[in-house]
PDB file of N, CA and C in Angstrom:
ATOM      1  N   MET A   1      64.258  59.724  74.852  1.00  0.00           N
ATOM      2  CA  MET A   1      63.041  60.309  74.324  1.00  0.00           C
ATOM      3  C   MET A   1      61.992  60.329  75.439  1.00  0.00           C
ATOM      4  N   PRO A   2      61.330  61.460  75.623  1.00  0.00           N
ATOM      5  CA  PRO A   2      60.326  61.558  76.680  1.00  0.00           C
ATOM      6  C   PRO A   2      59.112  60.680  76.401  1.00  0.00           C
ATOM      7  N   SER A   3      58.436  60.279  77.467  1.00  0.00           N
ATOM      8  CA  SER A   3      57.249  59.444  77.306  1.00  0.00           C
ATOM      9  C   SER A   3      56.056  60.304  76.876  1.00  0.00           C
ATOM     10  N   ILE A   4      55.014  59.624  76.408  1.00  0.00           N
ATOM     11  CA  ILE A   4      53.810  60.336  75.977  1.00  0.00           C
ATOM     12  C   ILE A   4      53.142  61.007  77.179  1.00  0.00           C
ATOM     13  N   ALA A   5      53.166  60.350  78.336  1.00  0.00           N
ATOM     14  CA  ALA A   5      52.546  60.933  79.536  1.00  0.00           C
ATOM     15  C   ALA A   5      53.234  62.227  79.948  1.00  0.00           C
ATOM     16  N   SER A   6      54.569  62.239  79.931  1.00  0.00           N
ATOM     17  CA  SER A   6      55.274  63.470  80.300  1.00  0.00           C
ATOM     18  C   SER A   6      55.064  64.550  79.239  1.00  0.00           C
ATOM     19  N   SER A   7      54.968  64.147  77.979  1.00  0.00           N
ATOM     20  CA  SER A   7      54.696  65.117  76.919  1.00  0.00           C
ATOM     21  C   SER A   7      53.326  65.751  77.103  1.00  0.00           C
ATOM     22  N   LEU A   8      52.329  64.925  77.409  1.00  0.00           N
ATOM     23  CA  LEU A   8      50.987  65.461  77.641  1.00  0.00           C
ATOM     24  C   LEU A   8      50.955  66.375  78.864  1.00  0.00           C
ATOM     25  N   PHE A   9      51.745  66.051  79.880  1.00  0.00           N
ATOM     26  CA  PHE A   9      51.825  66.923  81.044  1.00  0.00           C
ATOM     27  C   PHE A   9      52.328  68.308  80.655  1.00  0.00           C
ATOM     28  N   TRP A  10      53.427  68.362  79.892  1.00  0.00           N
ATOM     29  CA  TRP A  10      53.990  69.654  79.503  1.00  0.00           C
ATOM     30  C   TRP A  10      53.054  70.431  78.588  1.00  0.00           C
ATOM     31  N   ILE A  11      52.378  69.732  77.696  1.00  0.00           N
ATOM     32  CA  ILE A  11      51.433  70.396  76.798  1.00  0.00           C
ATOM     33  C   ILE A  11      50.260  70.971  77.589  1.00  0.00           C
ATOM     34  N   ALA A  12      49.731  70.200  78.545  1.00  0.00           N
ATOM     35  CA  ALA A  12      48.627  70.681  79.376  1.00  0.00           C
ATOM     36  C   ALA A  12      49.067  71.840  80.263  1.00  0.00           C
ATOM     37  N   LEU A  13      50.280  71.766  80.776  1.00  0.00           N
ATOM     38  CA  LEU A  13      50.796  72.852  81.611  1.00  0.00           C
ATOM     39  C   LEU A  13      50.907  74.151  80.817  1.00  0.00           C
ATOM     40  N   ILE A  14      51.406  74.059  79.606  1.00  0.00           N
ATOM     41  CA  ILE A  14      51.511  75.242  78.751  1.00  0.00           C
ATOM     42  C   ILE A  14      50.128  75.806  78.440  1.00  0.00           C
ATOM     43  N   ALA A  15      49.186  74.918  78.131  1.00  0.00           N
ATOM     44  CA  ALA A  15      47.826  75.367  77.818  1.00  0.00           C
ATOM     45  C   ALA A  15      47.163  76.037  79.011  1.00  0.00           C
ATOM     46  N   ALA A  16      47.526  75.647  80.217  1.00  0.00           N
ATOM     47  CA  ALA A  16      46.938  76.250  81.415  1.00  0.00           C
ATOM     48  C   ALA A  16      47.631  77.553  81.811  1.00  0.00           C
ATOM     49  N   ILE A  17      48.928  77.630  81.598  1.00  0.00           N
ATOM     50  CA  ILE A  17      49.689  78.798  82.048  1.00  0.00           C
ATOM     51  C   ILE A  17      49.643  79.953  81.041  1.00  0.00           C
ATOM     52  N   ALA A  18      49.567  79.674  79.756  1.00  0.00           N
ATOM     53  CA  ALA A  18      49.609  80.732  78.741  1.00  0.00           C
ATOM     54  C   ALA A  18      48.531  81.793  78.930  1.00  0.00           C
ATOM     55  N   PRO A  19      47.263  81.440  79.190  1.00  0.00           N
ATOM     56  CA  PRO A  19      46.269  82.508  79.395  1.00  0.00           C
ATOM     57  C   PRO A  19      46.540  83.346  80.639  1.00  0.00           C
ATOM     58  N   ILE A  20      47.095  82.722  81.676  1.00  0.00           N
ATOM     59  CA  ILE A  20      47.408  83.461  82.900  1.00  0.00           C
ATOM     60  C   ILE A  20      48.513  84.472  82.637  1.00  0.00           C
ATOM     61  N   VAL A  21      49.565  84.029  81.959  1.00  0.00           N
ATOM     62  CA  VAL A  21      50.678  84.923  81.646  1.00  0.00           C
ATOM     63  C   VAL A  21      50.217  86.033  80.708  1.00  0.00           C
ATOM     64  N   ALA A  22      49.388  85.704  79.722  1.00  0.00           N
ATOM     65  CA  ALA A  22      48.880  86.726  78.798  1.00  0.00           C
ATOM     66  C   ALA A  22      48.047  87.765  79.540  1.00  0.00           C
ATOM     67  N   GLY A  23      47.310  87.350  80.562  1.00  0.00           N
ATOM     68  CA  GLY A  23      46.515  88.290  81.345  1.00  0.00           C
ATOM     69  C   GLY A  23      47.353  89.188  82.238  1.00  0.00           C
ATOM     70  N   LEU A  24      48.543  88.732  82.618  1.00  0.00           N
ATOM     71  CA  LEU A  24      49.419  89.521  83.482  1.00  0.00           C
ATOM     72  C   LEU A  24      50.165  90.611  82.723  1.00  0.00           C
ATOM     73  N   ILE A  25      50.300  90.466  81.421  1.00  0.00           N
ATOM     74  CA  ILE A  25      51.023  91.457  80.624  1.00  0.00           C
ATOM     75  C   ILE A  25      50.127  92.675  80.439  1.00  0.00           C
ATOM     76  N   PRO A  26      50.624  93.863  80.788  1.00  0.00           N
ATOM     77  CA  PRO A  26      49.787  95.055  80.694  1.00  0.00           C
ATOM     78  C   PRO A  26      49.359  95.367  79.254  1.00  0.00           C
ATOM     79  N   ARG A  27      48.152  95.838  79.112  1.00  0.00           N
ATOM     80  CA  ARG A  27      47.554  96.245  77.837  1.00  0.00           C
ATOM     81  C   ARG A  27      47.554  95.140  76.789  1.00  0.00           C
ATOM     82  N   ARG A  28      47.681  93.895  77.208  1.00  0.00           N
ATOM     83  CA  ARG A  28      47.634  92.722  76.316  1.00  0.00           C
ATOM     84  C   ARG A  28      48.531  92.917  75.090  1.00  0.00           C
ATOM     85  N   LEU A  29      49.769  93.307  75.341  1.00  0.00           N
ATOM     86  CA  LEU A  29      50.713  93.549  74.249  1.00  0.00           C
ATOM     87  C   LEU A  29      51.105  92.266  73.533  1.00  0.00           C
ATOM     88  N   VAL A  30      51.119  91.148  74.269  1.00  0.00           N
ATOM     89  CA  VAL A  30      51.472  89.868  73.672  1.00  0.00           C
ATOM     90  C   VAL A  30      50.234  88.971  73.716  1.00  0.00           C
ATOM     91  N   PRO A  31      49.710  88.584  72.551  1.00  0.00           N
ATOM     92  CA  PRO A  31      48.523  87.719  72.549  1.00  0.00           C
ATOM     93  C   PRO A  31      48.839  86.328  73.093  1.00  0.00           C
ATOM     94  N   GLU A  32      47.812  85.683  73.574  1.00  0.00           N
ATOM     95  CA  GLU A  32      47.950  84.336  74.124  1.00  0.00           C
ATOM     96  C   GLU A  32      48.479  83.359  73.074  1.00  0.00           C
ATOM     97  N   VAL A  33      48.093  83.562  71.837  1.00  0.00           N
ATOM     98  CA  VAL A  33      48.524  82.681  70.750  1.00  0.00           C
ATOM     99  C   VAL A  33      50.043  82.694  70.611  1.00  0.00           C
ATOM    100  N   VAL A  34      50.632  83.862  70.736  1.00  0.00           N
ATOM    101  CA  VAL A  34      52.091  83.978  70.623  1.00  0.00           C
ATOM    102  C   VAL A  34      52.768  83.214  71.762  1.00  0.00           C
ATOM    103  N   LEU A  35      52.227  83.340  72.954  1.00  0.00           N
ATOM    104  CA  LEU A  35      52.806  82.615  74.092  1.00  0.00           C
ATOM    105  C   LEU A  35      52.687  81.109  73.913  1.00  0.00           C
ATOM    106  N   LEU A  36      51.555  80.649  73.394  1.00  0.00           N
ATOM    107  CA  LEU A  36      51.390  79.214  73.146  1.00  0.00           C
ATOM    108  C   LEU A  36      52.392  78.706  72.117  1.00  0.00           C
ATOM    109  N   LEU A  37      52.583  79.462  71.047  1.00  0.00           N
ATOM    110  CA  LEU A  37      53.537  79.051  70.015  1.00  0.00           C
ATOM    111  C   LEU A  37      54.968  79.037  70.541  1.00  0.00           C
ATOM    112  N   LEU A  38      55.342  80.073  71.273  1.00  0.00           N
ATOM    113  CA  LEU A  38      56.706  80.129  71.821  1.00  0.00           C
ATOM    114  C   LEU A  38      56.968  79.000  72.816  1.00  0.00           C
ATOM    115  N   ALA A  39      56.027  78.782  73.717  1.00  0.00           N
ATOM    116  CA  ALA A  39      56.210  77.719  74.702  1.00  0.00           C
ATOM    117  C   ALA A  39      56.236  76.350  74.029  1.00  0.00           C
ATOM    118  N   GLY A  40      55.400  76.156  73.014  1.00  0.00           N
ATOM    119  CA  GLY A  40      55.413  74.894  72.284  1.00  0.00           C
ATOM    120  C   GLY A  40      56.734  74.657  71.569  1.00  0.00           C
ATOM    121  N   ALA A  41      57.304  75.718  71.029  1.00  0.00           N
ATOM    122  CA  ALA A  41      58.597  75.586  70.363  1.00  0.00           C
ATOM    123  C   ALA A  41      59.706  75.269  71.363  1.00  0.00           C
ATOM    124  N   VAL A  42      59.606  75.828  72.554  1.00  0.00           N
ATOM    125  CA  VAL A  42      60.641  75.609  73.570  1.00  0.00           C
ATOM    126  C   VAL A  42      60.624  74.174  74.084  1.00  0.00           C
ATOM    127  N   VAL A  43      59.451  73.608  74.341  1.00  0.00           N
ATOM    128  CA  VAL A  43      59.408  72.252  74.886  1.00  0.00           C
ATOM    129  C   VAL A  43      59.469  71.184  73.803  1.00  0.00           C
ATOM    130  N   GLY A  44      59.408  71.576  72.559  1.00  0.00           N
ATOM    131  CA  GLY A  44      59.399  70.633  71.449  1.00  0.00           C
ATOM    132  C   GLY A  44      60.741  69.977  71.190  1.00  0.00           C
ATOM    133  N   PRO A  45      60.786  69.133  70.169  1.00  0.00           N
ATOM    134  CA  PRO A  45      61.996  68.338  69.903  1.00  0.00           C
ATOM    135  C   PRO A  45      63.190  69.146  69.390  1.00  0.00           C
ATOM    136  N   PHE A  46      62.979  70.399  68.996  1.00  0.00           N
ATOM    137  CA  PHE A  46      64.090  71.184  68.453  1.00  0.00           C
ATOM    138  C   PHE A  46      64.709  72.131  69.478  1.00  0.00           C
ATOM    139  N   ALA A  47      64.206  72.137  70.708  1.00  0.00           N
ATOM    140  CA  ALA A  47      64.785  72.983  71.749  1.00  0.00           C
ATOM    141  C   ALA A  47      65.108  72.130  72.978  1.00  0.00           C
ATOM    142  N   LEU A  48      64.227  72.119  73.968  1.00  0.00           N
ATOM    143  CA  LEU A  48      64.496  71.360  75.196  1.00  0.00           C
ATOM    144  C   LEU A  48      64.224  69.871  75.065  1.00  0.00           C
ATOM    145  N   ASN A  49      63.417  69.479  74.100  1.00  0.00           N
ATOM    146  CA  ASN A  49      63.074  68.085  73.837  1.00  0.00           C
ATOM    147  C   ASN A  49      62.463  67.400  75.065  1.00  0.00           C
ATOM    148  N   ILE A  50      61.550  68.104  75.748  1.00  0.00           N
ATOM    149  CA  ILE A  50      60.855  67.481  76.871  1.00  0.00           C
ATOM    150  C   ILE A  50      59.443  67.052  76.485  1.00  0.00           C
ATOM    151  N   ALA A  51      59.080  67.240  75.225  1.00  0.00           N
ATOM    152  CA  ALA A  51      57.811  66.735  74.699  1.00  0.00           C
ATOM    153  C   ALA A  51      58.128  65.899  73.471  1.00  0.00           C
ATOM    154  N   ALA A  52      57.674  64.667  73.468  1.00  0.00           N
ATOM    155  CA  ALA A  52      57.981  63.737  72.385  1.00  0.00           C
ATOM    156  C   ALA A  52      57.174  64.069  71.133  1.00  0.00           C
ATOM    157  N   ASP A  53      57.671  63.615  70.015  1.00  0.00           N
ATOM    158  CA  ASP A  53      56.969  63.773  68.750  1.00  0.00           C
ATOM    159  C   ASP A  53      56.517  62.382  68.304  1.00  0.00           C
ATOM    160  N   SER A  54      55.358  61.961  68.810  1.00  0.00           N
ATOM    161  CA  SER A  54      54.829  60.642  68.482  1.00  0.00           C
ATOM    162  C   SER A  54      53.521  60.791  67.722  1.00  0.00           C
ATOM    163  N   GLU A  55      52.924  59.663  67.356  1.00  0.00           N
ATOM    164  CA  GLU A  55      51.675  59.705  66.600  1.00  0.00           C
ATOM    165  C   GLU A  55      50.543  60.315  67.426  1.00  0.00           C
ATOM    166  N   ALA A  56      50.465  59.969  68.698  1.00  0.00           N
ATOM    167  CA  ALA A  56      49.410  60.517  69.554  1.00  0.00           C
ATOM    168  C   ALA A  56      49.583  62.022  69.732  1.00  0.00           C
ATOM    169  N   ILE A  57      50.798  62.456  69.908  1.00  0.00           N
ATOM    170  CA  ILE A  57      51.070  63.883  70.052  1.00  0.00           C
ATOM    171  C   ILE A  57      50.853  64.584  68.719  1.00  0.00           C
ATOM    172  N   GLY A  58      51.099  63.903  67.615  1.00  0.00           N
ATOM    173  CA  GLY A  58      50.869  64.489  66.290  1.00  0.00           C
ATOM    174  C   GLY A  58      49.404  64.834  66.064  1.00  0.00           C
ATOM    175  N   ILE A  59      48.513  63.954  66.501  1.00  0.00           N
ATOM    176  CA  ILE A  59      47.078  64.241  66.383  1.00  0.00           C
ATOM    177  C   ILE A  59      46.725  65.441  67.247  1.00  0.00           C
ATOM    178  N   LEU A  60      47.261  65.479  68.453  1.00  0.00           N
ATOM    179  CA  LEU A  60      47.020  66.616  69.338  1.00  0.00           C
ATOM    180  C   LEU A  60      47.600  67.899  68.750  1.00  0.00           C
ATOM    181  N   ARG A  61      48.736  67.777  68.082  1.00  0.00           N
ATOM    182  CA  ARG A  61      49.370  68.935  67.451  1.00  0.00           C
ATOM    183  C   ARG A  61      48.491  69.512  66.350  1.00  0.00           C
ATOM    184  N   GLU A  62      47.904  68.639  65.531  1.00  0.00           N
ATOM    185  CA  GLU A  62      47.023  69.112  64.460  1.00  0.00           C
ATOM    186  C   GLU A  62      45.771  69.788  65.017  1.00  0.00           C
ATOM    187  N   LEU A  63      45.202  69.211  66.067  1.00  0.00           N
ATOM    188  CA  LEU A  63      44.042  69.811  66.718  1.00  0.00           C
ATOM    189  C   LEU A  63      44.412  71.156  67.330  1.00  0.00           C
ATOM    190  N   GLY A  64      45.559  71.219  67.962  1.00  0.00           N
ATOM    191  CA  GLY A  64      46.023  72.476  68.559  1.00  0.00           C
ATOM    192  C   GLY A  64      46.282  73.549  67.528  1.00  0.00           C
ATOM    193  N   LEU A  65      46.781  73.175  66.382  1.00  0.00           N
ATOM    194  CA  LEU A  65      47.011  74.155  65.327  1.00  0.00           C
ATOM    195  C   LEU A  65      45.697  74.766  64.853  1.00  0.00           C
ATOM    196  N   GLY A  66      44.676  73.933  64.718  1.00  0.00           N
ATOM    197  CA  GLY A  66      43.361  74.457  64.348  1.00  0.00           C
ATOM    198  C   GLY A  66      42.816  75.404  65.401  1.00  0.00           C
ATOM    199  N   MET A  67      43.010  75.055  66.671  1.00  0.00           N
ATOM    200  CA  MET A  67      42.547  75.927  67.752  1.00  0.00           C
ATOM    201  C   MET A  67      43.328  77.235  67.783  1.00  0.00           C
ATOM    202  N   LEU A  68      44.618  77.193  67.446  1.00  0.00           N
ATOM    203  CA  LEU A  68      45.403  78.424  67.409  1.00  0.00           C
ATOM    204  C   LEU A  68      44.902  79.366  66.325  1.00  0.00           C
ATOM    205  N   PHE A  69      44.510  78.823  65.183  1.00  0.00           N
ATOM    206  CA  PHE A  69      43.948  79.680  64.142  1.00  0.00           C
ATOM    207  C   PHE A  69      42.652  80.325  64.610  1.00  0.00           C
ATOM    208  N   LEU A  70      41.849  79.574  65.338  1.00  0.00           N
ATOM    209  CA  LEU A  70      40.616  80.153  65.875  1.00  0.00           C
ATOM    210  C   LEU A  70      40.921  81.241  66.899  1.00  0.00           C
ATOM    211  N   LEU A  71      41.883  80.996  67.779  1.00  0.00           N
ATOM    212  CA  LEU A  71      42.250  82.010  68.759  1.00  0.00           C
ATOM    213  C   LEU A  71      42.816  83.261  68.098  1.00  0.00           C
ATOM    214  N   ALA A  72      43.592  83.078  67.047  1.00  0.00           N
ATOM    215  CA  ALA A  72      44.154  84.227  66.341  1.00  0.00           C
ATOM    216  C   ALA A  72      43.042  85.067  65.724  1.00  0.00           C
ATOM    217  N   GLY A  73      41.988  84.431  65.285  1.00  0.00           N
ATOM    218  CA  GLY A  73      40.863  85.168  64.723  1.00  0.00           C
ATOM    219  C   GLY A  73      40.167  86.042  65.753  1.00  0.00           C
ATOM    220  N   TYR A  74      40.178  85.620  67.009  1.00  0.00           N
ATOM    221  CA  TYR A  74      39.562  86.419  68.064  1.00  0.00           C
ATOM    222  C   TYR A  74      40.388  87.654  68.411  1.00  0.00           C
ATOM    223  N   GLU A  75      41.664  87.651  68.066  1.00  0.00           N
ATOM    224  CA  GLU A  75      42.535  88.779  68.369  1.00  0.00           C
ATOM    225  C   GLU A  75      42.368  89.928  67.382  1.00  0.00           C
ATOM    226  N   ILE A  76      41.665  89.706  66.290  1.00  0.00           N
ATOM    227  CA  ILE A  76      41.531  90.716  65.247  1.00  0.00           C
ATOM    228  C   ILE A  76      40.528  91.780  65.676  1.00  0.00           C
ATOM    229  N   ASP A  77      40.930  93.026  65.538  1.00  0.00           N
ATOM    230  CA  ASP A  77      40.052  94.152  65.817  1.00  0.00           C
ATOM    231  C   ASP A  77      39.447  94.606  64.486  1.00  0.00           C
ATOM    232  N   ARG A  78      38.149  94.437  64.326  1.00  0.00           N
ATOM    233  CA  ARG A  78      37.498  94.729  63.040  1.00  0.00           C
ATOM    234  C   ARG A  78      37.620  96.194  62.652  1.00  0.00           C
ATOM    235  N   GLN A  79      37.584  97.095  63.608  1.00  0.00           N
ATOM    236  CA  GLN A  79      37.704  98.511  63.282  1.00  0.00           C
ATOM    237  C   GLN A  79      39.097  98.854  62.775  1.00  0.00           C
ATOM    238  N   GLU A  80      40.081  98.135  63.260  1.00  0.00           N
ATOM    239  CA  GLU A  80      41.451  98.355  62.790  1.00  0.00           C
ATOM    240  C   GLU A  80      41.606  97.931  61.327  1.00  0.00           C
ATOM    241  N   LEU A  81      40.874  96.909  60.925  1.00  0.00           N
ATOM    242  CA  LEU A  81      40.971  96.429  59.539  1.00  0.00           C
ATOM    243  C   LEU A  81      40.424  97.432  58.534  1.00  0.00           C
ATOM    244  N   SER A  82      39.440  98.225  58.923  1.00  0.00           N
ATOM    245  CA  SER A  82      38.855  99.171  57.981  1.00  0.00           C
ATOM    246  C   SER A  82      39.601 100.499  57.959  1.00  0.00           C
ATOM    247  N   GLY A  83      40.557 100.684  58.819  1.00  0.00           N
ATOM    248  CA  GLY A  83      41.300 101.938  58.884  1.00  0.00           C
ATOM    249  C   GLY A  83      42.642 101.853  58.169  1.00  0.00           C
ATOM    250  N   ARG A  84      43.533 102.707  58.615  1.00  0.00           N
ATOM    251  CA  ARG A  84      44.864 102.802  58.014  1.00  0.00           C
ATOM    252  C   ARG A  84      45.661 101.508  58.190  1.00  0.00           C
ATOM    253  N   GLY A  85      45.522 100.881  59.359  1.00  0.00           N
ATOM    254  CA  GLY A  85      46.240  99.636  59.622  1.00  0.00           C
ATOM    255  C   GLY A  85      45.803  98.516  58.697  1.00  0.00           C
ATOM    256  N   GLY A  86      44.513  98.469  58.370  1.00  0.00           N
ATOM    257  CA  GLY A  86      44.004  97.457  57.451  1.00  0.00           C
ATOM    258  C   GLY A  86      44.539  97.626  56.045  1.00  0.00           C
ATOM    259  N   ARG A  87      44.599  98.884  55.602  1.00  0.00           N
ATOM    260  CA  ARG A  87      45.168  99.142  54.265  1.00  0.00           C
ATOM    261  C   ARG A  87      46.641  98.759  54.221  1.00  0.00           C
ATOM    262  N   ARG A  88      47.360  99.093  55.290  1.00  0.00           N
ATOM    263  CA  ARG A  88      48.785  98.739  55.342  1.00  0.00           C
ATOM    264  C   ARG A  88      48.960  97.225  55.340  1.00  0.00           C
ATOM    265  N   ALA A  89      48.103  96.516  56.074  1.00  0.00           N
ATOM    266  CA  ALA A  89      48.168  95.055  56.092  1.00  0.00           C
ATOM    267  C   ALA A  89      47.863  94.474  54.718  1.00  0.00           C
ATOM    268  N   LEU A  90      46.874  95.050  54.024  1.00  0.00           N
ATOM    269  CA  LEU A  90      46.533  94.582  52.681  1.00  0.00           C
ATOM    270  C   LEU A  90      47.697  94.789  51.720  1.00  0.00           C
ATOM    271  N   TYR A  91      48.303  95.962  51.761  1.00  0.00           N
ATOM    272  CA  TYR A  91      49.440  96.227  50.870  1.00  0.00           C
ATOM    273  C   TYR A  91      50.619  95.312  51.190  1.00  0.00           C
ATOM    274  N   THR A  92      50.849  95.062  52.467  1.00  0.00           N
ATOM    275  CA  THR A  92      51.931  94.161  52.868  1.00  0.00           C
ATOM    276  C   THR A  92      51.653  92.743  52.383  1.00  0.00           C
ATOM    277  N   TRP A  93      50.407  92.294  52.528  1.00  0.00           N
ATOM    278  CA  TRP A  93      50.037  90.955  52.088  1.00  0.00           C
ATOM    279  C   TRP A  93      50.201  90.832  50.580  1.00  0.00           C
ATOM    280  N   LEU A  94      49.761  91.825  49.829  1.00  0.00           N
ATOM    281  CA  LEU A  94      49.895  91.782  48.368  1.00  0.00           C
ATOM    282  C   LEU A  94      51.364  91.797  47.940  1.00  0.00           C
ATOM    283  N   PHE A  95      52.186  92.593  48.631  1.00  0.00           N
ATOM    284  CA  PHE A  95      53.602  92.622  48.317  1.00  0.00           C
ATOM    285  C   PHE A  95      54.239  91.263  48.580  1.00  0.00           C
ATOM    286  N   CYS A  96      53.898  90.655  49.711  1.00  0.00           N
ATOM    287  CA  CYS A  96      54.451  89.337  50.033  1.00  0.00           C
ATOM    288  C   CYS A  96      53.976  88.267  49.041  1.00  0.00           C
ATOM    289  N   LEU A  97      52.737  88.367  48.609  1.00  0.00           N
ATOM    290  CA  LEU A  97      52.222  87.441  47.611  1.00  0.00           C
ATOM    291  C   LEU A  97      52.981  87.585  46.291  1.00  0.00           C
ATOM    292  N   ALA A  98      53.197  88.829  45.844  1.00  0.00           N
ATOM    293  CA  ALA A  98      53.940  89.061  44.614  1.00  0.00           C
ATOM    294  C   ALA A  98      55.388  88.585  44.753  1.00  0.00           C
ATOM    295  N   LEU A  99      55.971  88.807  45.921  1.00  0.00           N
ATOM    296  CA  LEU A  99      57.337  88.353  46.175  1.00  0.00           C
ATOM    297  C   LEU A  99      57.420  86.822  46.141  1.00  0.00           C
ATOM    298  N   ALA A 100      56.415  86.156  46.716  1.00  0.00           N
ATOM    299  CA  ALA A 100      56.387  84.694  46.707  1.00  0.00           C
ATOM    300  C   ALA A 100      56.263  84.163  45.296  1.00  0.00           C
ATOM    301  N   PHE A 101      55.389  84.769  44.483  1.00  0.00           N
ATOM    302  CA  PHE A 101      55.245  84.338  43.098  1.00  0.00           C
ATOM    303  C   PHE A 101      56.525  84.583  42.307  1.00  0.00           C
ATOM    304  N   THR A 102      57.219  85.673  42.619  1.00  0.00           N
ATOM    305  CA  THR A 102      58.464  85.962  41.933  1.00  0.00           C
ATOM    306  C   THR A 102      59.534  84.939  42.281  1.00  0.00           C
ATOM    307  N   VAL A 103      59.618  84.596  43.524  1.00  0.00           N
ATOM    308  CA  VAL A 103      60.638  83.632  43.967  1.00  0.00           C
ATOM    309  C   VAL A 103      60.352  82.239  43.425  1.00  0.00           C
ATOM    310  N   VAL A 104      59.080  81.859  43.451  1.00  0.00           N
ATOM    311  CA  VAL A 104      58.707  80.516  43.001  1.00  0.00           C
ATOM    312  C   VAL A 104      58.798  80.459  41.494  1.00  0.00           C
TER     313      VAL A 104
END
């Protein structure tokens, strides 16, 4: 099992590299949030297992999840929500909600 220090190193490295990689992708096709989630999944205990799952990392994980929701909010284009894409998103969300209620 990796140590907490090595886990913090990998987490900090991902947090530093993700914005750089997101900036290199033309037309910002992949948001920074997606890169953070993918990299976190790769170094986590279910893939490469180079970041430990301990209590200290758990607190950092919860804080990071809150920050990811904030970052995702910055990716939203308000004009897109009021147009055709927003209506399609609303219909998709309502369909998924009805599907969830049906399954449950």
